[in-house]
Amino acid sequence: MTTAVLAPSSPQSITIPLREIVPWAILTLLLALLAIYFVGAEEGATSIFQGMYIHEWVHDGRHLLGFPCH
């Protein structure tokens, strides 16, 4: 009985076209900017929504990220 010894294959690099990355990068950037707005600026004069509901919902995150709020 003979056994075959397989030579280890070298890793192949994967190329991802830029046109496939750009939409995901833009979506990620927009979501990050939206999150930063709600955590950092959604209160007072820059408020989109009335009341302090958004502010209270992200209050601990504001302090964790170093945004002053009171």
PDB file of N, CA and C in Angstrom:
ATOM      1  N   MET A   1       0.851  -1.164   0.000  1.00  0.00           N
ATOM      2  CA  MET A   1       0.000   0.000   0.000  1.00  0.00           C
ATOM      3  C   MET A   1       0.902   1.234   0.000  1.00  0.00           C
ATOM      4  N   THR A   2       0.606   2.188  -0.852  1.00  0.00           N
ATOM      5  CA  THR A   2       1.396   3.408  -0.920  1.00  0.00           C
ATOM      6  C   THR A   2       0.563   4.571  -0.402  1.00  0.00           C
ATOM      7  N   THR A   3       1.226   5.500   0.213  1.00  0.00           N
ATOM      8  CA  THR A   3       0.543   6.706   0.685  1.00  0.00           C
ATOM      9  C   THR A   3       1.081   7.896  -0.081  1.00  0.00           C
ATOM     10  N   ALA A   4       0.192   8.762  -0.444  1.00  0.00           N
ATOM     11  CA  ALA A   4       0.576   9.958  -1.191  1.00  0.00           C
ATOM     12  C   ALA A   4       0.859  11.078  -0.195  1.00  0.00           C
ATOM     13  N   VAL A   5       1.947  11.748  -0.415  1.00  0.00           N
ATOM     14  CA  VAL A   5       2.305  12.894   0.415  1.00  0.00           C
ATOM     15  C   VAL A   5       2.023  14.147  -0.394  1.00  0.00           C
ATOM     16  N   LEU A   6       1.144  14.968   0.134  1.00  0.00           N
ATOM     17  CA  LEU A   6       0.798  16.207  -0.561  1.00  0.00           C
ATOM     18  C   LEU A   6       1.731  17.315  -0.121  1.00  0.00           C
ATOM     19  N   ALA A   7       2.248  18.023  -1.073  1.00  0.00           N
ATOM     20  CA  ALA A   7       3.113  19.160  -0.765  1.00  0.00           C
ATOM     21  C   ALA A   7       2.237  20.302  -0.267  1.00  0.00           C
ATOM     22  N   PRO A   8       2.685  21.023   0.756  1.00  0.00           N
ATOM     23  CA  PRO A   8       1.882  22.152   1.238  1.00  0.00           C
ATOM     24  C   PRO A   8       1.760  23.218   0.152  1.00  0.00           C
ATOM     25  N   SER A   9       0.557  23.701  -0.019  1.00  0.00           N
ATOM     26  CA  SER A   9       0.343  24.731  -1.031  1.00  0.00           C
ATOM     27  C   SER A   9       0.646  26.101  -0.441  1.00  0.00           C
ATOM     28  N   SER A  10       1.128  26.962  -1.268  1.00  0.00           N
ATOM     29  CA  SER A  10       1.423  28.319  -0.802  1.00  0.00           C
ATOM     30  C   SER A  10       0.125  29.121  -0.746  1.00  0.00           C
ATOM     31  N   PRO A  11      -0.007  30.007   0.224  1.00  0.00           N
ATOM     32  CA  PRO A  11      -1.241  30.795   0.326  1.00  0.00           C
ATOM     33  C   PRO A  11      -1.391  31.736  -0.872  1.00  0.00           C
ATOM     34  N   GLN A  12      -2.596  31.841  -1.327  1.00  0.00           N
ATOM     35  CA  GLN A  12      -2.895  32.710  -2.452  1.00  0.00           C
ATOM     36  C   GLN A  12      -3.466  34.024  -1.940  1.00  0.00           C
ATOM     37  N   SER A  13      -3.043  35.108  -2.510  1.00  0.00           N
ATOM     38  CA  SER A  13      -3.585  36.403  -2.108  1.00  0.00           C
ATOM     39  C   SER A  13      -4.930  36.628  -2.789  1.00  0.00           C
ATOM     40  N   ILE A  14      -5.807  37.271  -2.056  1.00  0.00           N
ATOM     41  CA  ILE A  14      -7.134  37.570  -2.585  1.00  0.00           C
ATOM     42  C   ILE A  14      -7.175  39.049  -2.929  1.00  0.00           C
ATOM     43  N   THR A  15      -7.600  39.358  -4.114  1.00  0.00           N
ATOM     44  CA  THR A  15      -7.745  40.757  -4.505  1.00  0.00           C
ATOM     45  C   THR A  15      -9.222  41.112  -4.523  1.00  0.00           C
ATOM     46  N   ILE A  16      -9.548  42.195  -3.847  1.00  0.00           N
ATOM     47  CA  ILE A  16     -10.924  42.687  -3.825  1.00  0.00           C
ATOM     48  C   ILE A  16     -10.938  44.002  -4.593  1.00  0.00           C
ATOM     49  N   PRO A  17     -11.732  44.076  -5.637  1.00  0.00           N
ATOM     50  CA  PRO A  17     -11.785  45.312  -6.425  1.00  0.00           C
ATOM     51  C   PRO A  17     -12.275  46.493  -5.581  1.00  0.00           C
ATOM     52  N   LEU A  18     -11.719  47.640  -5.843  1.00  0.00           N
ATOM     53  CA  LEU A  18     -12.062  48.850  -5.103  1.00  0.00           C
ATOM     54  C   LEU A  18     -13.543  49.180  -5.232  1.00  0.00           C
ATOM     55  N   ARG A  19     -14.143  48.918  -6.378  1.00  0.00           N
ATOM     56  CA  ARG A  19     -15.556  49.237  -6.575  1.00  0.00           C
ATOM     57  C   ARG A  19     -16.462  48.395  -5.679  1.00  0.00           C
ATOM     58  N   GLU A  20     -15.967  47.292  -5.137  1.00  0.00           N
ATOM     59  CA  GLU A  20     -16.742  46.502  -4.187  1.00  0.00           C
ATOM     60  C   GLU A  20     -16.570  47.000  -2.756  1.00  0.00           C
ATOM     61  N   ILE A  21     -15.486  47.673  -2.464  1.00  0.00           N
ATOM     62  CA  ILE A  21     -15.211  48.158  -1.114  1.00  0.00           C
ATOM     63  C   ILE A  21     -15.851  49.524  -0.874  1.00  0.00           C
ATOM     64  N   VAL A  22     -15.867  50.378  -1.869  1.00  0.00           N
ATOM     65  CA  VAL A  22     -16.318  51.765  -1.712  1.00  0.00           C
ATOM     66  C   VAL A  22     -17.741  51.883  -1.156  1.00  0.00           C
ATOM     67  N   PRO A  23     -18.738  51.149  -1.655  1.00  0.00           N
ATOM     68  CA  PRO A  23     -20.087  51.304  -1.078  1.00  0.00           C
ATOM     69  C   PRO A  23     -20.134  50.931   0.408  1.00  0.00           C
ATOM     70  N   TRP A  24     -19.429  49.884   0.803  1.00  0.00           N
ATOM     71  CA  TRP A  24     -19.409  49.479   2.213  1.00  0.00           C
ATOM     72  C   TRP A  24     -18.666  50.492   3.057  1.00  0.00           C
ATOM     73  N   ALA A  25     -17.613  51.081   2.522  1.00  0.00           N
ATOM     74  CA  ALA A  25     -16.869  52.108   3.259  1.00  0.00           C
ATOM     75  C   ALA A  25     -17.740  53.358   3.454  1.00  0.00           C
ATOM     76  N   ILE A  26     -18.494  53.743   2.440  1.00  0.00           N
ATOM     77  CA  ILE A  26     -19.370  54.907   2.553  1.00  0.00           C
ATOM     78  C   ILE A  26     -20.486  54.639   3.566  1.00  0.00           C
ATOM     79  N   LEU A  27     -21.094  53.463   3.506  1.00  0.00           N
ATOM     80  CA  LEU A  27     -22.143  53.105   4.456  1.00  0.00           C
ATOM     81  C   LEU A  27     -21.601  53.106   5.888  1.00  0.00           C
ATOM     82  N   THR A  28     -20.426  52.532   6.084  1.00  0.00           N
ATOM     83  CA  THR A  28     -19.815  52.515   7.412  1.00  0.00           C
ATOM     84  C   THR A  28     -19.533  53.921   7.904  1.00  0.00           C
ATOM     85  N   LEU A  29     -19.022  54.782   7.047  1.00  0.00           N
ATOM     86  CA  LEU A  29     -18.741  56.164   7.422  1.00  0.00           C
ATOM     87  C   LEU A  29     -20.020  56.908   7.811  1.00  0.00           C
ATOM     88  N   LEU A  30     -21.080  56.739   7.025  1.00  0.00           N
ATOM     89  CA  LEU A  30     -22.345  57.411   7.332  1.00  0.00           C
ATOM     90  C   LEU A  30     -22.938  56.929   8.655  1.00  0.00           C
ATOM     91  N   LEU A  31     -22.883  55.630   8.908  1.00  0.00           N
ATOM     92  CA  LEU A  31     -23.389  55.104  10.173  1.00  0.00           C
ATOM     93  C   LEU A  31     -22.552  55.585  11.354  1.00  0.00           C
ATOM     94  N   ALA A  32     -21.240  55.668  11.167  1.00  0.00           N
ATOM     95  CA  ALA A  32     -20.368  56.167  12.232  1.00  0.00           C
ATOM     96  C   ALA A  32     -20.651  57.639  12.516  1.00  0.00           C
ATOM     97  N   LEU A  33     -20.824  58.440  11.474  1.00  0.00           N
ATOM     98  CA  LEU A  33     -21.139  59.859  11.674  1.00  0.00           C
ATOM     99  C   LEU A  33     -22.493  60.043  12.347  1.00  0.00           C
ATOM    100  N   LEU A  34     -23.457  59.225  11.974  1.00  0.00           N
ATOM    101  CA  LEU A  34     -24.772  59.285  12.607  1.00  0.00           C
ATOM    102  C   LEU A  34     -24.679  58.911  14.089  1.00  0.00           C
ATOM    103  N   ALA A  35     -23.915  57.890  14.397  1.00  0.00           N
ATOM    104  CA  ALA A  35     -23.738  57.489  15.797  1.00  0.00           C
ATOM    105  C   ALA A  35     -23.016  58.569  16.591  1.00  0.00           C
ATOM    106  N   ILE A  36     -21.994  59.178  16.009  1.00  0.00           N
ATOM    107  CA  ILE A  36     -21.272  60.251  16.705  1.00  0.00           C
ATOM    108  C   ILE A  36     -22.182  61.446  16.931  1.00  0.00           C
ATOM    109  N   TYR A  37     -23.044  61.753  15.953  1.00  0.00           N
ATOM    110  CA  TYR A  37     -23.978  62.859  16.147  1.00  0.00           C
ATOM    111  C   TYR A  37     -24.899  62.578  17.330  1.00  0.00           C
ATOM    112  N   PHE A  38     -25.518  61.401  17.336  1.00  0.00           N
ATOM    113  CA  PHE A  38     -26.479  61.111  18.397  1.00  0.00           C
ATOM    114  C   PHE A  38     -25.820  61.040  19.763  1.00  0.00           C
ATOM    115  N   VAL A  39     -24.612  60.517  19.837  1.00  0.00           N
ATOM    116  CA  VAL A  39     -23.933  60.435  21.127  1.00  0.00           C
ATOM    117  C   VAL A  39     -23.371  61.788  21.523  1.00  0.00           C
ATOM    118  N   GLY A  40     -22.857  62.554  20.579  1.00  0.00           N
ATOM    119  CA  GLY A  40     -22.139  63.766  20.924  1.00  0.00           C
ATOM    120  C   GLY A  40     -22.869  65.070  20.817  1.00  0.00           C
ATOM    121  N   ALA A  41     -23.912  65.152  19.993  1.00  0.00           N
ATOM    122  CA  ALA A  41     -24.486  66.474  19.749  1.00  0.00           C
ATOM    123  C   ALA A  41     -26.002  66.543  19.824  1.00  0.00           C
ATOM    124  N   GLU A  42     -26.674  65.460  20.092  1.00  0.00           N
ATOM    125  CA  GLU A  42     -28.137  65.469  20.095  1.00  0.00           C
ATOM    126  C   GLU A  42     -28.667  66.002  21.425  1.00  0.00           C
ATOM    127  N   GLU A  43     -28.565  67.298  21.586  1.00  0.00           N
ATOM    128  CA  GLU A  43     -29.158  67.977  22.737  1.00  0.00           C
ATOM    129  C   GLU A  43     -29.098  69.479  22.495  1.00  0.00           C
ATOM    130  N   GLY A  44     -29.950  70.197  23.151  1.00  0.00           N
ATOM    131  CA  GLY A  44     -29.910  71.650  23.081  1.00  0.00           C
ATOM    132  C   GLY A  44     -30.207  72.202  21.709  1.00  0.00           C
ATOM    133  N   ALA A  45     -29.387  73.167  21.267  1.00  0.00           N
ATOM    134  CA  ALA A  45     -29.626  73.882  20.019  1.00  0.00           C
ATOM    135  C   ALA A  45     -29.471  72.994  18.784  1.00  0.00           C
ATOM    136  N   THR A  46     -28.667  71.947  18.865  1.00  0.00           N
ATOM    137  CA  THR A  46     -28.455  71.081  17.706  1.00  0.00           C
ATOM    138  C   THR A  46     -29.396  69.896  17.685  1.00  0.00           C
ATOM    139  N   SER A  47     -30.407  69.894  18.531  1.00  0.00           N
ATOM    140  CA  SER A  47     -31.309  68.750  18.659  1.00  0.00           C
ATOM    141  C   SER A  47     -32.242  68.641  17.464  1.00  0.00           C
ATOM    142  N   ILE A  48     -32.370  67.441  16.935  1.00  0.00           N
ATOM    143  CA  ILE A  48     -33.320  67.168  15.867  1.00  0.00           C
ATOM    144  C   ILE A  48     -34.666  66.792  16.474  1.00  0.00           C
ATOM    145  N   PHE A  49     -34.635  65.999  17.530  1.00  0.00           N
ATOM    146  CA  PHE A  49     -35.852  65.522  18.181  1.00  0.00           C
ATOM    147  C   PHE A  49     -36.115  66.333  19.436  1.00  0.00           C
ATOM    148  N   GLN A  50     -37.376  66.626  19.708  1.00  0.00           N
ATOM    149  CA  GLN A  50     -37.718  67.390  20.897  1.00  0.00           C
ATOM    150  C   GLN A  50     -37.585  66.503  22.133  1.00  0.00           C
ATOM    151  N   GLY A  51     -37.315  67.151  23.251  1.00  0.00           N
ATOM    152  CA  GLY A  51     -37.182  66.417  24.500  1.00  0.00           C
ATOM    153  C   GLY A  51     -35.767  65.895  24.694  1.00  0.00           C
ATOM    154  N   MET A  52     -35.598  65.187  25.780  1.00  0.00           N
ATOM    155  CA  MET A  52     -34.270  64.679  26.125  1.00  0.00           C
ATOM    156  C   MET A  52     -34.193  63.162  25.996  1.00  0.00           C
ATOM    157  N   TYR A  53     -35.080  62.552  25.210  1.00  0.00           N
ATOM    158  CA  TYR A  53     -35.120  61.100  25.123  1.00  0.00           C
ATOM    159  C   TYR A  53     -33.843  60.513  24.534  1.00  0.00           C
ATOM    160  N   ILE A  54     -33.377  61.062  23.438  1.00  0.00           N
ATOM    161  CA  ILE A  54     -32.151  60.566  22.812  1.00  0.00           C
ATOM    162  C   ILE A  54     -30.965  60.811  23.744  1.00  0.00           C
ATOM    163  N   HIS A  55     -30.911  61.990  24.339  1.00  0.00           N
ATOM    164  CA  HIS A  55     -29.824  62.319  25.254  1.00  0.00           C
ATOM    165  C   HIS A  55     -29.766  61.322  26.411  1.00  0.00           C
ATOM    166  N   GLU A  56     -30.898  61.020  26.991  1.00  0.00           N
ATOM    167  CA  GLU A  56     -30.916  60.089  28.121  1.00  0.00           C
ATOM    168  C   GLU A  56     -30.584  58.672  27.681  1.00  0.00           C
ATOM    169  N   TRP A  57     -30.962  58.307  26.466  1.00  0.00           N
ATOM    170  CA  TRP A  57     -30.698  56.961  25.964  1.00  0.00           C
ATOM    171  C   TRP A  57     -29.198  56.727  25.753  1.00  0.00           C
ATOM    172  N   VAL A  58     -28.456  57.750  25.328  1.00  0.00           N
ATOM    173  CA  VAL A  58     -27.020  57.606  25.063  1.00  0.00           C
ATOM    174  C   VAL A  58     -26.173  58.279  26.144  1.00  0.00           C
ATOM    175  N   HIS A  59     -26.780  58.613  27.275  1.00  0.00           N
ATOM    176  CA  HIS A  59     -26.100  59.378  28.304  1.00  0.00           C
ATOM    177  C   HIS A  59     -24.811  58.725  28.797  1.00  0.00           C
ATOM    178  N   ASP A  60     -24.847  57.453  29.145  1.00  0.00           N
ATOM    179  CA  ASP A  60     -23.647  56.786  29.647  1.00  0.00           C
ATOM    180  C   ASP A  60     -22.580  56.675  28.563  1.00  0.00           C
ATOM    181  N   GLY A  61     -23.012  56.493  27.323  1.00  0.00           N
ATOM    182  CA  GLY A  61     -22.052  56.446  26.215  1.00  0.00           C
ATOM    183  C   GLY A  61     -21.355  57.778  26.027  1.00  0.00           C
ATOM    184  N   ARG A  62     -22.071  58.869  26.270  1.00  0.00           N
ATOM    185  CA  ARG A  62     -21.456  60.200  26.171  1.00  0.00           C
ATOM    186  C   ARG A  62     -20.303  60.317  27.152  1.00  0.00           C
ATOM    187  N   HIS A  63     -20.535  59.922  28.397  1.00  0.00           N
ATOM    188  CA  HIS A  63     -19.483  60.017  29.397  1.00  0.00           C
ATOM    189  C   HIS A  63     -18.345  59.052  29.104  1.00  0.00           C
ATOM    190  N   LEU A  64     -18.666  57.850  28.617  1.00  0.00           N
ATOM    191  CA  LEU A  64     -17.644  56.873  28.277  1.00  0.00           C
ATOM    192  C   LEU A  64     -16.720  57.402  27.183  1.00  0.00           C
ATOM    193  N   LEU A  65     -17.277  58.118  26.220  1.00  0.00           N
ATOM    194  CA  LEU A  65     -16.478  58.665  25.120  1.00  0.00           C
ATOM    195  C   LEU A  65     -15.898  60.042  25.404  1.00  0.00           C
ATOM    196  N   GLY A  66     -16.210  60.618  26.569  1.00  0.00           N
ATOM    197  CA  GLY A  66     -15.619  61.885  26.951  1.00  0.00           C
ATOM    198  C   GLY A  66     -16.381  63.106  26.519  1.00  0.00           C
ATOM    199  N   PHE A  67     -17.625  62.986  26.086  1.00  0.00           N
ATOM    200  CA  PHE A  67     -18.430  64.139  25.722  1.00  0.00           C
ATOM    201  C   PHE A  67     -19.047  64.737  26.977  1.00  0.00           C
ATOM    202  N   PRO A  68     -18.857  66.023  27.226  1.00  0.00           N
ATOM    203  CA  PRO A  68     -19.517  66.628  28.382  1.00  0.00           C
ATOM    204  C   PRO A  68     -21.000  66.858  28.080  1.00  0.00           C
ATOM    205  N   CYS A  69     -21.819  66.733  29.111  1.00  0.00           N
ATOM    206  CA  CYS A  69     -23.238  66.993  28.847  1.00  0.00           C
ATOM    207  C   CYS A  69     -23.931  67.713  30.008  1.00  0.00           C
ATOM    208  N   HIS A  70     -23.293  67.814  31.157  1.00  0.00           N
ATOM    209  CA  HIS A  70     -23.930  68.571  32.250  1.00  0.00           C
ATOM    210  C   HIS A  70     -22.884  69.017  33.228  1.00  0.00           C
TER     211      HIS A  70
END
